[in-house]
N, C-alpha and C. Protein backbone atom coordinates (compact mmCIF):
# COMPACT_ATOMS: atom_id res chain seq x y z
N MET A 1 0.77 -1.27 0.07
CA MET A 1 0.01 0.00 -0.01
C MET A 1 0.81 1.35 0.02
N ALA A 2 0.63 2.16 -0.86
CA ALA A 2 1.25 3.58 -0.96
C ALA A 2 1.16 4.29 0.43
N GLY A 3 2.18 5.07 0.66
CA GLY A 3 2.20 5.70 1.73
C GLY A 3 1.44 7.14 1.80
N ARG A 4 1.08 7.84 3.01
CA ARG A 4 0.39 8.85 2.86
C ARG A 4 1.25 10.15 3.22
N ILE A 5 2.61 10.08 3.03
CA ILE A 5 3.36 11.33 3.30
C ILE A 5 4.55 11.16 2.43
N THR A 6 4.90 12.60 2.01
CA THR A 6 6.26 12.68 1.38
C THR A 6 6.78 13.86 1.92
N LEU A 7 8.07 14.06 1.55
CA LEU A 7 8.79 15.15 2.06
C LEU A 7 9.16 16.13 0.72
N THR A 8 9.00 17.42 0.82
CA THR A 8 9.56 18.29 -0.02
C THR A 8 10.47 19.26 0.55
N MET A 9 11.51 19.85 -0.21
CA MET A 9 12.19 20.93 0.21
C MET A 9 12.22 21.88 -0.95
N ILE A 10 11.74 23.09 -0.73
CA ILE A 10 11.79 24.11 -1.73
C ILE A 10 13.23 24.57 -1.62
N LYS A 11 14.02 24.39 -2.57
CA LYS A 11 15.46 24.69 -2.57
C LYS A 11 15.87 26.18 -2.62
N PRO A 12 16.95 26.42 -2.37
CA PRO A 12 17.45 27.74 -2.25
C PRO A 12 17.38 28.62 -3.59
N ASP A 13 17.23 27.98 -4.70
CA ASP A 13 17.09 28.85 -5.87
C ASP A 13 15.53 29.30 -6.07
N ALA A 14 14.80 28.37 -5.62
CA ALA A 14 13.37 28.74 -5.75
C ALA A 14 13.05 29.79 -4.62
N VAL A 15 13.66 29.61 -3.30
CA VAL A 15 13.32 30.70 -2.23
C VAL A 15 13.91 31.98 -2.67
N ALA A 16 14.97 31.87 -3.20
CA ALA A 16 15.70 33.28 -3.65
C ALA A 16 14.87 33.96 -4.69
N LYS A 17 14.28 33.27 -5.49
CA LYS A 17 13.41 33.96 -6.49
C LYS A 17 12.09 34.23 -6.18
N ASN A 18 11.70 33.99 -4.97
CA ASN A 18 10.60 34.24 -4.23
C ASN A 18 9.31 33.49 -4.89
N ALA A 19 9.83 32.13 -5.21
CA ALA A 19 8.79 31.34 -5.75
C ALA A 19 7.97 30.30 -4.67
N THR A 20 8.33 30.55 -3.49
CA THR A 20 7.80 29.77 -2.47
C THR A 20 6.21 29.80 -2.32
N GLY A 21 5.65 30.88 -2.42
CA GLY A 21 4.07 31.09 -2.47
C GLY A 21 3.54 30.38 -3.70
N ASP A 22 4.08 30.39 -4.74
CA ASP A 22 3.40 29.87 -5.94
C ASP A 22 3.70 28.30 -6.04
N ILE A 23 4.71 27.93 -5.32
CA ILE A 23 4.99 26.31 -5.28
C ILE A 23 4.05 25.86 -4.10
N LEU A 24 3.80 26.55 -3.03
CA LEU A 24 2.92 26.07 -2.05
C LEU A 24 1.46 26.02 -2.53
N ARG A 25 1.15 27.12 -3.37
CA ARG A 25 -0.22 27.12 -3.99
C ARG A 25 -0.43 25.98 -4.95
N MET A 26 0.51 25.58 -5.75
CA MET A 26 0.43 24.38 -6.62
C MET A 26 0.39 23.16 -5.88
N ILE A 27 1.15 23.01 -4.76
CA ILE A 27 1.09 22.07 -3.84
C ILE A 27 -0.38 21.80 -3.20
N ASN A 28 -1.02 22.82 -2.72
CA ASN A 28 -2.40 22.94 -2.23
C ASN A 28 -3.32 22.44 -3.20
N GLU A 29 -3.09 23.15 -4.46
CA GLU A 29 -4.22 22.82 -5.45
C GLU A 29 -4.16 21.41 -6.00
N ALA A 30 -3.07 20.82 -5.88
CA ALA A 30 -2.88 19.39 -6.05
C ALA A 30 -3.54 18.45 -5.14
N GLY A 31 -4.09 18.89 -4.00
CA GLY A 31 -4.80 18.16 -2.92
C GLY A 31 -3.94 17.72 -1.87
N PHE A 32 -2.69 18.21 -1.84
CA PHE A 32 -1.95 17.83 -0.58
C PHE A 32 -2.15 18.66 0.59
N ARG A 33 -2.16 18.07 1.69
CA ARG A 33 -2.24 18.66 3.00
C ARG A 33 -0.75 18.93 3.52
N ILE A 34 -0.55 20.09 4.10
CA ILE A 34 0.85 20.35 4.93
C ILE A 34 0.70 19.95 6.20
N ALA A 35 1.53 18.96 6.60
CA ALA A 35 1.46 18.51 7.95
C ALA A 35 2.38 18.99 8.91
N ALA A 36 3.60 19.65 8.17
CA ALA A 36 4.51 20.47 8.89
C ALA A 36 5.40 21.21 7.95
N MET A 37 5.74 22.35 8.43
CA MET A 37 6.58 23.08 7.36
C MET A 37 7.48 24.07 8.22
N LYS A 38 8.65 24.32 7.68
CA LYS A 38 9.42 25.25 8.10
C LYS A 38 10.49 26.09 7.21
N LEU A 39 10.83 27.21 7.60
CA LEU A 39 11.88 27.79 6.70
C LEU A 39 13.17 27.70 7.45
N THR A 40 14.18 27.05 6.89
CA THR A 40 15.43 26.79 7.59
C THR A 40 16.57 26.91 6.69
N LYS A 41 17.62 26.63 7.06
CA LYS A 41 18.97 26.67 6.27
C LYS A 41 19.84 25.53 6.75
N LEU A 42 20.16 24.61 5.76
CA LEU A 42 20.85 23.32 6.13
C LEU A 42 22.42 23.92 5.95
N SER A 43 22.98 23.38 7.16
CA SER A 43 24.55 23.53 7.26
C SER A 43 25.28 22.53 6.21
N LYS A 44 26.32 22.79 6.04
CA LYS A 44 27.12 21.80 4.76
C LYS A 44 26.95 20.51 5.63
N GLU A 45 27.18 20.25 6.93
CA GLU A 45 27.14 18.94 7.35
C GLU A 45 25.68 18.22 7.34
N GLN A 46 24.81 19.11 7.58
CA GLN A 46 23.24 18.63 7.40
C GLN A 46 23.14 18.27 5.99
N ALA A 47 23.48 19.01 4.92
CA ALA A 47 23.28 18.75 3.54
C ALA A 47 24.07 17.39 3.22
N GLU A 48 25.29 17.28 3.81
CA GLU A 48 26.08 15.92 3.49
C GLU A 48 25.31 14.71 4.16
N GLN A 49 24.72 14.93 5.29
CA GLN A 49 23.94 13.98 5.87
C GLN A 49 22.71 13.55 5.20
N PHE A 50 21.88 14.46 4.67
CA PHE A 50 20.79 14.38 3.94
C PHE A 50 21.01 13.70 2.77
N TYR A 51 22.05 14.08 1.83
CA TYR A 51 22.32 13.55 0.53
C TYR A 51 23.51 12.37 0.70
N ALA A 52 23.57 11.87 1.79
CA ALA A 52 24.65 10.80 1.96
C ALA A 52 24.52 9.70 0.91
N VAL A 53 23.36 9.30 0.60
CA VAL A 53 23.03 8.27 -0.37
C VAL A 53 23.67 8.65 -1.80
N HIS A 54 24.04 10.01 -2.10
CA HIS A 54 24.51 10.24 -3.35
C HIS A 54 26.12 10.50 -3.23
N ARG A 55 26.80 10.24 -2.12
CA ARG A 55 28.12 10.52 -1.81
C ARG A 55 28.92 10.16 -2.76
N GLU A 56 28.92 9.00 -3.50
CA GLU A 56 29.83 8.53 -4.68
C GLU A 56 29.63 9.19 -5.96
N ARG A 57 28.58 9.87 -6.15
CA ARG A 57 28.05 10.50 -7.37
C ARG A 57 28.92 11.73 -7.65
N PRO A 58 29.30 11.95 -9.06
CA PRO A 58 30.07 13.05 -9.40
C PRO A 58 29.50 14.46 -8.90
N PHE A 59 28.13 14.59 -8.70
CA PHE A 59 27.55 15.84 -8.48
C PHE A 59 27.18 15.93 -7.07
N TYR A 60 27.85 15.16 -6.15
CA TYR A 60 27.53 15.22 -4.71
C TYR A 60 28.05 16.55 -4.17
N ASN A 61 29.27 16.92 -4.22
CA ASN A 61 29.94 18.16 -3.56
C ASN A 61 29.13 19.40 -4.07
N ASP A 62 28.96 19.41 -5.40
CA ASP A 62 27.96 20.64 -5.86
C ASP A 62 26.61 20.72 -5.21
N LEU A 63 25.97 19.50 -5.02
CA LEU A 63 24.75 19.51 -4.56
C LEU A 63 24.70 19.94 -3.20
N VAL A 64 25.67 19.50 -2.32
CA VAL A 64 25.79 19.87 -0.95
C VAL A 64 26.13 21.25 -0.80
N ALA A 65 27.02 21.81 -1.66
CA ALA A 65 27.29 23.19 -1.67
C ALA A 65 26.09 24.13 -1.91
N PHE A 66 25.21 23.69 -2.99
CA PHE A 66 23.92 24.30 -3.46
C PHE A 66 23.04 24.31 -2.38
N MET A 67 22.81 23.15 -1.71
CA MET A 67 21.61 23.03 -0.80
C MET A 67 21.95 23.79 0.54
N SER A 68 23.23 23.98 0.86
CA SER A 68 23.54 24.75 1.92
C SER A 68 23.83 26.08 1.69
N SER A 69 23.56 26.63 0.48
CA SER A 69 23.84 28.02 0.06
C SER A 69 22.82 29.26 0.36
N GLY A 70 21.79 28.60 1.03
CA GLY A 70 20.69 29.63 1.26
C GLY A 70 19.53 28.95 1.95
N PRO A 71 18.58 29.60 2.44
CA PRO A 71 17.32 29.05 3.08
C PRO A 71 16.57 28.04 1.98
N ILE A 72 16.04 27.01 2.79
CA ILE A 72 14.92 26.31 2.15
C ILE A 72 13.56 26.21 2.96
N VAL A 73 12.69 25.70 2.33
CA VAL A 73 11.41 25.44 3.04
C VAL A 73 11.19 24.03 2.98
N ALA A 74 11.27 23.34 4.11
CA ALA A 74 10.96 21.86 4.21
C ALA A 74 9.62 21.73 4.57
N ALA A 75 8.87 20.68 4.21
CA ALA A 75 7.45 20.38 4.44
C ALA A 75 7.22 18.85 4.30
N ILE A 76 6.36 18.52 5.26
CA ILE A 76 5.90 17.09 5.16
C ILE A 76 4.37 17.21 4.45
N LEU A 77 4.18 16.54 3.45
CA LEU A 77 3.06 16.54 2.67
C LEU A 77 2.20 15.48 2.90
N GLU A 78 0.89 15.54 2.93
CA GLU A 78 0.15 14.32 3.10
C GLU A 78 -0.99 14.23 2.11
N LYS A 79 -1.18 12.96 1.59
CA LYS A 79 -2.19 12.59 0.65
C LYS A 79 -1.89 11.25 0.29
N ASP A 80 -3.16 10.65 0.06
CA ASP A 80 -2.98 9.13 -0.36
C ASP A 80 -2.06 9.04 -1.67
N ASN A 81 -1.10 8.18 -1.65
CA ASN A 81 -0.29 7.87 -2.73
C ASN A 81 0.76 9.04 -2.81
N ALA A 82 1.05 9.76 -1.80
CA ALA A 82 1.83 11.02 -1.70
C ALA A 82 3.00 10.90 -2.50
N VAL A 83 4.04 9.92 -2.28
CA VAL A 83 5.09 10.18 -3.08
C VAL A 83 5.03 10.03 -4.58
N GLU A 84 4.17 9.21 -5.11
CA GLU A 84 4.02 9.09 -6.67
C GLU A 84 3.28 10.18 -7.00
N ASP A 85 2.31 10.84 -6.34
CA ASP A 85 1.55 11.96 -6.90
C ASP A 85 2.47 13.14 -6.82
N PHE A 86 3.20 13.38 -5.75
CA PHE A 86 4.09 14.58 -5.85
C PHE A 86 5.19 14.47 -6.65
N ARG A 87 5.86 13.35 -7.07
CA ARG A 87 6.91 13.15 -8.20
C ARG A 87 6.23 13.58 -9.37
N LYS A 88 4.96 13.35 -9.59
CA LYS A 88 4.26 13.80 -10.94
C LYS A 88 4.27 15.14 -10.87
N LEU A 89 3.66 15.74 -9.83
CA LEU A 89 3.47 17.25 -9.81
C LEU A 89 4.85 18.00 -9.90
N ILE A 90 5.88 17.44 -9.35
CA ILE A 90 7.25 18.24 -9.41
C ILE A 90 7.83 18.23 -10.84
N GLY A 91 7.55 17.00 -11.47
CA GLY A 91 8.14 16.95 -12.90
C GLY A 91 9.47 16.25 -12.85
N ALA A 92 10.12 15.98 -14.09
CA ALA A 92 11.45 15.48 -14.25
C ALA A 92 12.59 16.30 -13.53
N THR A 93 13.75 15.65 -13.26
CA THR A 93 14.76 16.54 -12.58
C THR A 93 15.19 17.63 -13.60
N ASN A 94 15.31 17.24 -14.77
CA ASN A 94 15.63 18.22 -15.61
C ASN A 94 14.24 18.97 -16.14
N PRO A 95 14.33 20.25 -15.81
CA PRO A 95 13.19 21.03 -16.26
C PRO A 95 12.83 21.02 -17.69
N ALA A 96 13.73 20.82 -18.52
CA ALA A 96 13.50 20.84 -20.07
C ALA A 96 12.72 19.57 -20.47
N ASP A 97 12.80 18.50 -19.52
CA ASP A 97 11.86 17.31 -19.85
C ASP A 97 10.74 17.13 -18.93
N ALA A 98 10.46 18.13 -17.97
CA ALA A 98 9.30 18.15 -17.14
C ALA A 98 8.00 18.45 -17.83
N ALA A 99 7.11 17.81 -17.47
CA ALA A 99 5.65 17.96 -18.10
C ALA A 99 5.18 19.47 -17.82
N GLU A 100 4.54 19.87 -18.95
CA GLU A 100 3.80 21.27 -18.79
C GLU A 100 2.96 21.16 -17.73
N GLY A 101 2.87 22.53 -16.72
CA GLY A 101 2.29 22.46 -15.62
C GLY A 101 2.82 22.07 -14.34
N SER A 102 4.16 21.36 -14.45
CA SER A 102 4.86 20.92 -13.28
C SER A 102 5.62 21.90 -12.47
N ILE A 103 5.97 21.79 -11.22
CA ILE A 103 6.63 22.68 -10.61
C ILE A 103 8.04 23.04 -11.22
N ARG A 104 8.68 21.95 -11.65
CA ARG A 104 9.86 22.18 -12.24
C ARG A 104 9.94 22.97 -13.45
N ARG A 105 8.90 22.61 -14.35
CA ARG A 105 8.72 23.29 -15.72
C ARG A 105 8.60 24.75 -15.45
N LYS A 106 7.73 25.06 -14.51
CA LYS A 106 7.45 26.50 -14.09
C LYS A 106 8.63 27.02 -13.34
N HIS A 107 9.37 26.56 -12.55
CA HIS A 107 10.22 27.30 -11.55
C HIS A 107 11.79 26.87 -11.54
N ALA A 108 12.06 25.80 -12.30
CA ALA A 108 13.52 25.43 -12.07
C ALA A 108 14.26 26.06 -13.16
N GLU A 109 15.68 26.33 -12.88
CA GLU A 109 16.64 26.88 -13.80
C GLU A 109 17.13 25.95 -14.72
N ASN A 110 17.60 24.84 -14.09
CA ASN A 110 18.27 23.80 -14.81
C ASN A 110 18.24 22.41 -14.05
N ILE A 111 18.92 21.40 -14.36
CA ILE A 111 18.88 20.07 -13.68
C ILE A 111 19.44 20.26 -12.38
N GLU A 112 20.46 21.15 -12.17
CA GLU A 112 21.08 21.27 -10.80
C GLU A 112 20.33 22.27 -9.94
N ARG A 113 19.67 23.31 -10.36
CA ARG A 113 18.92 24.11 -9.64
C ARG A 113 17.50 23.91 -10.13
N ASN A 114 16.99 22.86 -9.57
CA ASN A 114 15.59 22.34 -9.95
C ASN A 114 14.30 22.57 -9.01
N ALA A 115 14.52 23.60 -8.37
CA ALA A 115 13.49 24.18 -7.44
C ALA A 115 12.89 23.51 -6.23
N VAL A 116 12.88 22.08 -6.40
CA VAL A 116 12.23 21.42 -5.32
C VAL A 116 12.79 19.91 -5.19
N HIS A 117 12.73 19.43 -4.03
CA HIS A 117 13.20 17.99 -3.68
C HIS A 117 11.76 17.35 -3.36
N GLY A 118 11.76 15.97 -3.80
CA GLY A 118 10.63 15.19 -3.40
C GLY A 118 11.08 13.76 -3.20
N SER A 119 10.73 13.14 -2.15
CA SER A 119 11.08 11.92 -1.65
C SER A 119 10.77 10.92 -2.99
N ASP A 120 11.74 9.99 -3.13
CA ASP A 120 11.58 9.06 -4.01
C ASP A 120 10.96 7.83 -3.63
N SER A 121 10.63 7.36 -2.43
CA SER A 121 10.09 6.33 -2.07
C SER A 121 9.27 6.43 -0.71
N ASP A 122 8.51 5.61 -0.48
CA ASP A 122 7.72 5.80 1.09
C ASP A 122 8.78 5.53 2.10
N GLU A 123 9.75 4.57 1.89
CA GLU A 123 10.77 4.47 2.94
C GLU A 123 11.62 5.72 3.18
N ASN A 124 11.93 6.27 2.12
CA ASN A 124 12.83 7.67 2.12
C ASN A 124 12.00 8.89 2.41
N ALA A 125 10.60 8.69 2.38
CA ALA A 125 9.78 9.73 2.94
C ALA A 125 9.83 9.88 4.36
N ALA A 126 9.82 8.62 4.96
CA ALA A 126 9.72 8.55 6.38
C ALA A 126 11.09 8.95 7.13
N ILE A 127 12.08 8.63 6.21
CA ILE A 127 13.47 9.01 6.80
C ILE A 127 13.70 10.47 6.76
N GLU A 128 13.32 11.11 5.53
CA GLU A 128 13.55 12.35 5.25
C GLU A 128 12.66 13.27 6.27
N ALA A 129 11.46 12.92 6.29
CA ALA A 129 10.59 13.70 7.35
C ALA A 129 11.15 13.76 8.76
N ALA A 130 11.70 12.53 9.18
CA ALA A 130 12.25 12.50 10.54
C ALA A 130 13.52 13.35 10.67
N PHE A 131 14.23 13.52 9.61
CA PHE A 131 15.51 14.23 9.34
C PHE A 131 14.91 15.72 9.72
N HIS A 132 13.96 16.20 9.27
CA HIS A 132 13.49 17.69 9.34
C HIS A 132 12.69 18.05 10.59
N PHE A 133 11.72 17.00 10.81
CA PHE A 133 10.78 17.29 11.79
C PHE A 133 10.53 16.18 12.97
N SER A 134 10.49 16.74 14.29
CA SER A 134 10.13 15.80 15.29
C SER A 134 8.59 15.52 15.12
N GLN A 135 8.16 14.46 15.98
CA GLN A 135 6.82 14.26 16.03
C GLN A 135 5.92 15.40 16.48
N LEU A 136 6.56 16.28 17.48
CA LEU A 136 5.97 17.33 18.06
C LEU A 136 5.59 18.40 17.03
N GLU A 137 6.32 18.49 16.02
CA GLU A 137 6.10 19.43 14.92
C GLU A 137 5.31 19.11 13.83
N ARG A 138 4.66 17.82 13.90
CA ARG A 138 3.73 17.48 12.87
C ARG A 138 2.25 17.51 13.29
N PHE A 139 1.50 18.10 12.41
CA PHE A 139 0.16 18.21 12.86
C PHE A 139 -0.87 17.53 11.84
């Protein structure tokens, strides 16, 4: 059975462009409920920990530097089939390949500055949600 939560981070590029409000609007209009949300800034160490799964990939250091370069908005989103539905809403990693009407098609600059993160599995959604939010911060 598909899970009911996913985690998103509105990345530093989108926050800097003041796209947070429009991205949140798109999320709400797609039927997601925001169960937790905060504006925060990842330290280099936190970004390294969050993206540890990519440590051996050639883009890892650039990703860590980018994700710790400015504020982000982290949020737990709730909906039936949350991970799959959110991945569809955000679109392909490369905004040039993202579907019309997707968050990345509208707000991403390129494959590296792609506006939003979305969990890729129910298991990772739970891990990522716990990374950013305690149980007391979830509603």
